[in-house]
Amino acid sequence: QVQLVESGGGLVQAGGSLRLSCAASGLTFRLYAMGWFRQAPGKEREFVASISRSGTSTDNADSVKDRFTISRDNAKNTVYLQMDNLKPEDTADYYCAAGLSATPTLNYNYWGRGTQVTVSS
């Protein structure tokens, strides 16, 4: 029973920061690349960021490249998304995902239930 549980979402003003966490269980965490995706109301799910198994390689969507930072702590089975300088267009449900053979944007095997981020203007 694989579980990915996101936390850290909330409501913030534009320009503020949030740090999302995703705690994984039921899998050998260090073997999985991890990704963050988001889905805004009325929009399709989109890729946000990903990190390799060891944490040595990351990839970010252009829309968040200079503002968001993905990281992981394999000892804690947790992946993080530090979000700085948040904008109203960042408002979405944020999901973490785990992929054994994932590219940065495709082929994730497991998904969390999501955490809501709302950025007010």
N, C-alpha and C. Protein backbone atom coordinates (compact mmCIF):
# COMPACT_ATOMS: atom_id res chain seq x y z
N GLN A 1 0.82 -1.19 0.00
CA GLN A 1 0.00 0.00 0.00
C GLN A 1 0.87 1.25 0.00
N VAL A 2 1.10 1.74 -1.20
CA VAL A 2 1.88 2.95 -1.36
C VAL A 2 1.03 4.16 -1.01
N GLN A 3 1.61 5.06 -0.26
CA GLN A 3 0.92 6.29 0.08
C GLN A 3 1.86 7.47 -0.09
N LEU A 4 1.36 8.51 -0.73
CA LEU A 4 2.03 9.79 -0.83
C LEU A 4 1.10 10.82 -0.22
N VAL A 5 1.55 11.49 0.81
CA VAL A 5 0.69 12.41 1.54
C VAL A 5 1.31 13.80 1.54
N GLU A 6 0.65 14.72 0.86
CA GLU A 6 1.12 16.10 0.79
C GLU A 6 0.63 16.89 1.99
N SER A 7 1.41 17.89 2.35
CA SER A 7 1.02 18.81 3.41
C SER A 7 1.70 20.15 3.17
N GLY A 8 1.25 21.17 3.87
CA GLY A 8 1.88 22.47 3.80
C GLY A 8 1.15 23.49 2.96
N GLY A 9 0.08 23.10 2.33
CA GLY A 9 -0.68 24.05 1.54
C GLY A 9 -1.43 25.02 2.42
N GLY A 10 -1.98 26.03 1.79
CA GLY A 10 -2.72 27.04 2.53
C GLY A 10 -3.00 28.25 1.69
N LEU A 11 -3.42 29.30 2.35
CA LEU A 11 -3.74 30.56 1.70
C LEU A 11 -2.67 31.58 2.05
N VAL A 12 -2.09 32.20 1.03
CA VAL A 12 -1.07 33.21 1.23
C VAL A 12 -1.31 34.37 0.28
N GLN A 13 -0.74 35.51 0.61
CA GLN A 13 -0.81 36.67 -0.26
C GLN A 13 0.25 36.58 -1.35
N ALA A 14 -0.01 37.24 -2.46
CA ALA A 14 0.97 37.31 -3.53
C ALA A 14 2.30 37.82 -2.98
N GLY A 15 3.38 37.19 -3.42
CA GLY A 15 4.70 37.53 -2.93
C GLY A 15 5.15 36.71 -1.75
N GLY A 16 4.25 35.97 -1.16
CA GLY A 16 4.58 35.15 -0.01
C GLY A 16 5.18 33.82 -0.39
N SER A 17 5.42 32.99 0.62
CA SER A 17 6.08 31.70 0.42
C SER A 17 5.34 30.59 1.14
N LEU A 18 5.47 29.40 0.60
CA LEU A 18 4.99 28.18 1.23
C LEU A 18 5.99 27.07 0.95
N ARG A 19 6.06 26.13 1.86
CA ARG A 19 6.87 24.94 1.65
C ARG A 19 5.97 23.72 1.74
N LEU A 20 5.82 23.02 0.63
CA LEU A 20 5.03 21.81 0.59
C LEU A 20 5.91 20.61 0.90
N SER A 21 5.33 19.63 1.57
CA SER A 21 6.01 18.39 1.87
C SER A 21 5.18 17.23 1.34
N CYS A 22 5.85 16.17 0.95
CA CYS A 22 5.19 14.94 0.53
C CYS A 22 5.89 13.78 1.19
N ALA A 23 5.21 13.13 2.10
CA ALA A 23 5.75 11.99 2.82
C ALA A 23 5.32 10.70 2.14
N ALA A 24 6.29 9.86 1.82
CA ALA A 24 6.03 8.62 1.11
C ALA A 24 6.17 7.42 2.04
N SER A 25 5.35 6.42 1.80
CA SER A 25 5.44 5.17 2.53
C SER A 25 5.01 4.03 1.62
N GLY A 26 5.44 2.82 1.94
CA GLY A 26 5.05 1.67 1.16
C GLY A 26 5.88 1.44 -0.09
N LEU A 27 6.95 2.19 -0.26
CA LEU A 27 7.85 2.01 -1.38
C LEU A 27 9.28 2.29 -0.95
N THR A 28 10.21 1.83 -1.76
CA THR A 28 11.61 2.12 -1.51
C THR A 28 11.89 3.50 -2.09
N PHE A 29 11.75 4.49 -1.26
CA PHE A 29 11.72 5.88 -1.70
C PHE A 29 12.92 6.27 -2.55
N ARG A 30 14.09 5.83 -2.17
CA ARG A 30 15.31 6.24 -2.85
C ARG A 30 15.40 5.75 -4.29
N LEU A 31 14.56 4.79 -4.68
CA LEU A 31 14.56 4.26 -6.03
C LEU A 31 13.65 5.05 -6.98
N TYR A 32 12.92 5.99 -6.46
CA TYR A 32 11.93 6.71 -7.25
C TYR A 32 12.32 8.16 -7.49
N ALA A 33 12.22 8.57 -8.74
CA ALA A 33 12.20 9.99 -9.02
C ALA A 33 10.89 10.57 -8.51
N MET A 34 10.91 11.81 -8.11
CA MET A 34 9.72 12.44 -7.55
C MET A 34 9.38 13.70 -8.33
N GLY A 35 8.10 13.95 -8.44
CA GLY A 35 7.66 15.13 -9.15
C GLY A 35 6.53 15.84 -8.43
N TRP A 36 6.39 17.10 -8.76
CA TRP A 36 5.26 17.90 -8.30
C TRP A 36 4.47 18.37 -9.52
N PHE A 37 3.16 18.24 -9.43
CA PHE A 37 2.25 18.70 -10.46
C PHE A 37 1.18 19.56 -9.81
N ARG A 38 0.49 20.32 -10.61
CA ARG A 38 -0.60 21.13 -10.08
C ARG A 38 -1.75 21.19 -11.07
N GLN A 39 -2.92 21.43 -10.53
CA GLN A 39 -4.11 21.57 -11.35
C GLN A 39 -4.94 22.73 -10.82
N ALA A 40 -5.05 23.76 -11.61
CA ALA A 40 -5.83 24.92 -11.25
C ALA A 40 -7.29 24.68 -11.60
N PRO A 41 -8.20 25.40 -10.95
CA PRO A 41 -9.62 25.23 -11.27
C PRO A 41 -9.90 25.44 -12.75
N GLY A 42 -10.55 24.48 -13.36
CA GLY A 42 -10.90 24.57 -14.77
C GLY A 42 -9.76 24.35 -15.73
N LYS A 43 -8.60 23.98 -15.24
CA LYS A 43 -7.43 23.79 -16.09
C LYS A 43 -6.94 22.34 -16.04
N GLU A 44 -6.10 21.99 -17.00
CA GLU A 44 -5.48 20.68 -17.03
C GLU A 44 -4.33 20.60 -16.04
N ARG A 45 -4.03 19.39 -15.61
CA ARG A 45 -2.88 19.18 -14.75
C ARG A 45 -1.60 19.56 -15.48
N GLU A 46 -0.68 20.20 -14.79
CA GLU A 46 0.57 20.59 -15.41
C GLU A 46 1.76 20.25 -14.53
N PHE A 47 2.87 20.00 -15.17
CA PHE A 47 4.12 19.69 -14.50
C PHE A 47 4.68 20.93 -13.83
N VAL A 48 5.22 20.75 -12.63
CA VAL A 48 5.82 21.85 -11.90
C VAL A 48 7.32 21.66 -11.74
N ALA A 49 7.72 20.52 -11.17
CA ALA A 49 9.13 20.28 -10.90
C ALA A 49 9.35 18.80 -10.66
N SER A 50 10.58 18.35 -10.86
CA SER A 50 10.94 16.97 -10.58
C SER A 50 12.35 16.89 -10.06
N ILE A 51 12.65 15.77 -9.41
CA ILE A 51 13.97 15.56 -8.84
C ILE A 51 14.35 14.09 -9.01
N SER A 52 15.60 13.85 -9.31
CA SER A 52 16.08 12.50 -9.54
C SER A 52 16.16 11.71 -8.25
N ARG A 53 16.43 10.43 -8.37
CA ARG A 53 16.47 9.54 -7.22
C ARG A 53 17.43 9.99 -6.14
N SER A 54 18.60 10.42 -6.56
CA SER A 54 19.63 10.84 -5.62
C SER A 54 19.50 12.30 -5.21
N GLY A 55 18.69 13.05 -5.93
CA GLY A 55 18.54 14.46 -5.65
C GLY A 55 19.57 15.33 -6.34
N THR A 56 20.38 14.75 -7.21
CA THR A 56 21.44 15.49 -7.86
C THR A 56 20.98 16.23 -9.11
N SER A 57 19.81 15.90 -9.62
CA SER A 57 19.30 16.53 -10.82
C SER A 57 17.87 16.96 -10.60
N THR A 58 17.56 18.17 -11.04
CA THR A 58 16.20 18.69 -10.92
C THR A 58 15.76 19.31 -12.23
N ASP A 59 14.46 19.44 -12.38
CA ASP A 59 13.89 20.07 -13.55
C ASP A 59 12.68 20.87 -13.10
N ASN A 60 12.53 22.06 -13.65
CA ASN A 60 11.42 22.93 -13.29
C ASN A 60 10.70 23.42 -14.53
N ALA A 61 9.41 23.58 -14.41
CA ALA A 61 8.66 24.22 -15.47
C ALA A 61 9.11 25.67 -15.60
N ASP A 62 9.05 26.19 -16.82
CA ASP A 62 9.50 27.56 -17.04
C ASP A 62 8.75 28.57 -16.18
N SER A 63 7.49 28.30 -15.92
CA SER A 63 6.67 29.24 -15.18
C SER A 63 7.08 29.39 -13.71
N VAL A 64 7.84 28.42 -13.19
CA VAL A 64 8.23 28.46 -11.78
C VAL A 64 9.73 28.37 -11.58
N LYS A 65 10.48 28.34 -12.65
CA LYS A 65 11.92 28.04 -12.60
C LYS A 65 12.68 28.92 -11.62
N ASP A 66 12.39 30.19 -11.59
CA ASP A 66 13.13 31.13 -10.75
C ASP A 66 12.50 31.34 -9.39
N ARG A 67 11.43 30.62 -9.10
CA ARG A 67 10.69 30.86 -7.86
C ARG A 67 10.53 29.62 -6.99
N PHE A 68 10.48 28.44 -7.58
CA PHE A 68 10.24 27.20 -6.84
C PHE A 68 11.50 26.36 -6.81
N THR A 69 11.68 25.63 -5.71
CA THR A 69 12.82 24.74 -5.56
C THR A 69 12.35 23.39 -5.02
N ILE A 70 12.65 22.34 -5.75
CA ILE A 70 12.32 21.00 -5.30
C ILE A 70 13.54 20.38 -4.63
N SER A 71 13.32 19.62 -3.58
CA SER A 71 14.40 18.94 -2.89
C SER A 71 13.85 17.66 -2.27
N ARG A 72 14.74 16.81 -1.79
CA ARG A 72 14.29 15.58 -1.15
C ARG A 72 15.24 15.19 -0.04
N ASP A 73 14.71 14.46 0.92
CA ASP A 73 15.48 13.90 2.01
C ASP A 73 15.16 12.42 2.04
N ASN A 74 16.03 11.63 1.46
CA ASN A 74 15.76 10.20 1.36
C ASN A 74 15.73 9.50 2.72
N ALA A 75 16.43 10.05 3.69
CA ALA A 75 16.40 9.48 5.03
C ALA A 75 15.04 9.65 5.69
N LYS A 76 14.29 10.66 5.25
CA LYS A 76 12.96 10.92 5.80
C LYS A 76 11.84 10.52 4.85
N ASN A 77 12.19 9.95 3.70
CA ASN A 77 11.20 9.56 2.70
C ASN A 77 10.27 10.73 2.34
N THR A 78 10.86 11.88 2.15
CA THR A 78 10.08 13.09 1.95
C THR A 78 10.65 13.93 0.82
N VAL A 79 9.77 14.46 0.00
CA VAL A 79 10.15 15.42 -1.03
C VAL A 79 9.47 16.75 -0.71
N TYR A 80 10.15 17.84 -1.03
CA TYR A 80 9.68 19.17 -0.68
C TYR A 80 9.54 20.04 -1.93
N LEU A 81 8.70 21.03 -1.83
CA LEU A 81 8.62 22.06 -2.84
C LEU A 81 8.58 23.41 -2.14
N GLN A 82 9.69 24.12 -2.19
CA GLN A 82 9.76 25.46 -1.63
C GLN A 82 9.26 26.43 -2.68
N MET A 83 8.22 27.17 -2.36
CA MET A 83 7.59 28.09 -3.29
C MET A 83 7.75 29.51 -2.76
N ASP A 84 8.49 30.31 -3.50
CA ASP A 84 8.73 31.70 -3.13
C ASP A 84 8.11 32.63 -4.17
N ASN A 85 7.88 33.86 -3.76
CA ASN A 85 7.30 34.86 -4.65
C ASN A 85 6.06 34.33 -5.35
N LEU A 86 5.16 33.82 -4.57
CA LEU A 86 3.95 33.23 -5.13
C LEU A 86 3.09 34.26 -5.83
N LYS A 87 2.44 33.82 -6.89
CA LYS A 87 1.58 34.65 -7.70
C LYS A 87 0.17 34.07 -7.70
N PRO A 88 -0.84 34.89 -7.94
CA PRO A 88 -2.20 34.36 -8.00
C PRO A 88 -2.36 33.20 -8.98
N GLU A 89 -1.63 33.22 -10.07
CA GLU A 89 -1.73 32.14 -11.04
C GLU A 89 -1.13 30.82 -10.55
N ASP A 90 -0.48 30.84 -9.39
CA ASP A 90 0.00 29.60 -8.78
C ASP A 90 -1.10 28.88 -8.01
N THR A 91 -2.23 29.50 -7.86
CA THR A 91 -3.34 28.88 -7.15
C THR A 91 -3.74 27.58 -7.84
N ALA A 92 -3.73 26.49 -7.09
CA ALA A 92 -4.02 25.18 -7.66
C ALA A 92 -3.98 24.14 -6.55
N ASP A 93 -4.43 22.95 -6.89
CA ASP A 93 -4.17 21.78 -6.07
C ASP A 93 -2.83 21.21 -6.50
N TYR A 94 -1.95 20.99 -5.54
CA TYR A 94 -0.61 20.49 -5.82
C TYR A 94 -0.50 19.03 -5.43
N TYR A 95 0.04 18.23 -6.34
CA TYR A 95 0.16 16.79 -6.16
C TYR A 95 1.61 16.36 -6.27
N CYS A 96 2.03 15.46 -5.42
CA CYS A 96 3.33 14.84 -5.61
C CYS A 96 3.14 13.48 -6.26
N ALA A 97 4.17 13.04 -6.94
CA ALA A 97 4.12 11.78 -7.67
C ALA A 97 5.47 11.09 -7.61
N ALA A 98 5.44 9.77 -7.67
CA ALA A 98 6.64 8.95 -7.63
C ALA A 98 6.72 8.10 -8.89
N GLY A 99 7.90 8.05 -9.49
CA GLY A 99 8.09 7.28 -10.71
C GLY A 99 9.35 6.46 -10.70
N LEU A 100 9.22 5.17 -10.88
CA LEU A 100 10.38 4.28 -10.89
C LEU A 100 11.20 4.47 -12.17
N SER A 101 10.52 4.73 -13.28
CA SER A 101 11.18 4.94 -14.56
C SER A 101 10.72 6.23 -15.20
N ALA A 102 10.55 7.25 -14.42
CA ALA A 102 9.97 8.49 -14.89
C ALA A 102 11.00 9.36 -15.60
N THR A 103 10.52 10.03 -16.63
CA THR A 103 11.22 11.19 -17.16
C THR A 103 10.81 12.36 -16.27
N PRO A 104 11.38 13.55 -16.48
CA PRO A 104 10.96 14.66 -15.61
C PRO A 104 9.47 14.93 -15.61
N THR A 105 8.79 14.66 -16.73
CA THR A 105 7.38 15.04 -16.83
C THR A 105 6.41 13.88 -17.03
N LEU A 106 6.89 12.69 -17.31
CA LEU A 106 6.03 11.58 -17.69
C LEU A 106 6.33 10.32 -16.89
N ASN A 107 5.36 9.40 -16.92
CA ASN A 107 5.54 8.03 -16.44
C ASN A 107 5.68 7.91 -14.93
N TYR A 108 4.88 8.64 -14.20
CA TYR A 108 4.82 8.50 -12.75
C TYR A 108 3.84 7.40 -12.38
N ASN A 109 4.19 6.61 -11.39
CA ASN A 109 3.42 5.44 -11.01
C ASN A 109 2.42 5.70 -9.90
N TYR A 110 2.76 6.57 -8.97
CA TYR A 110 1.93 6.80 -7.80
C TYR A 110 1.71 8.29 -7.60
N TRP A 111 0.54 8.60 -7.07
CA TRP A 111 0.15 9.99 -6.88
C TRP A 111 -0.43 10.22 -5.50
N GLY A 112 -0.16 11.37 -4.94
CA GLY A 112 -0.77 11.75 -3.69
C GLY A 112 -2.16 12.32 -3.90
N ARG A 113 -2.82 12.63 -2.80
CA ARG A 113 -4.19 13.13 -2.88
C ARG A 113 -4.25 14.64 -3.08
N GLY A 114 -3.15 15.32 -2.89
CA GLY A 114 -3.09 16.74 -3.18
C GLY A 114 -3.20 17.63 -1.95
N THR A 115 -2.69 18.83 -2.09
CA THR A 115 -2.85 19.86 -1.08
C THR A 115 -3.13 21.17 -1.80
N GLN A 116 -4.06 21.94 -1.26
CA GLN A 116 -4.52 23.15 -1.94
C GLN A 116 -3.65 24.34 -1.60
N VAL A 117 -3.29 25.09 -2.63
CA VAL A 117 -2.55 26.33 -2.47
C VAL A 117 -3.38 27.45 -3.09
N THR A 118 -3.66 28.46 -2.31
CA THR A 118 -4.42 29.60 -2.79
C THR A 118 -3.61 30.87 -2.55
N VAL A 119 -3.38 31.62 -3.61
CA VAL A 119 -2.60 32.85 -3.54
C VAL A 119 -3.53 34.01 -3.85
N SER A 120 -3.70 34.88 -2.89
CA SER A 120 -4.60 36.01 -3.05
C SER A 120 -3.84 37.22 -3.57
N SER A 121 -4.56 38.10 -4.25
CA SER A 121 -3.98 39.32 -4.78
C SER A 121 -4.39 40.54 -3.99
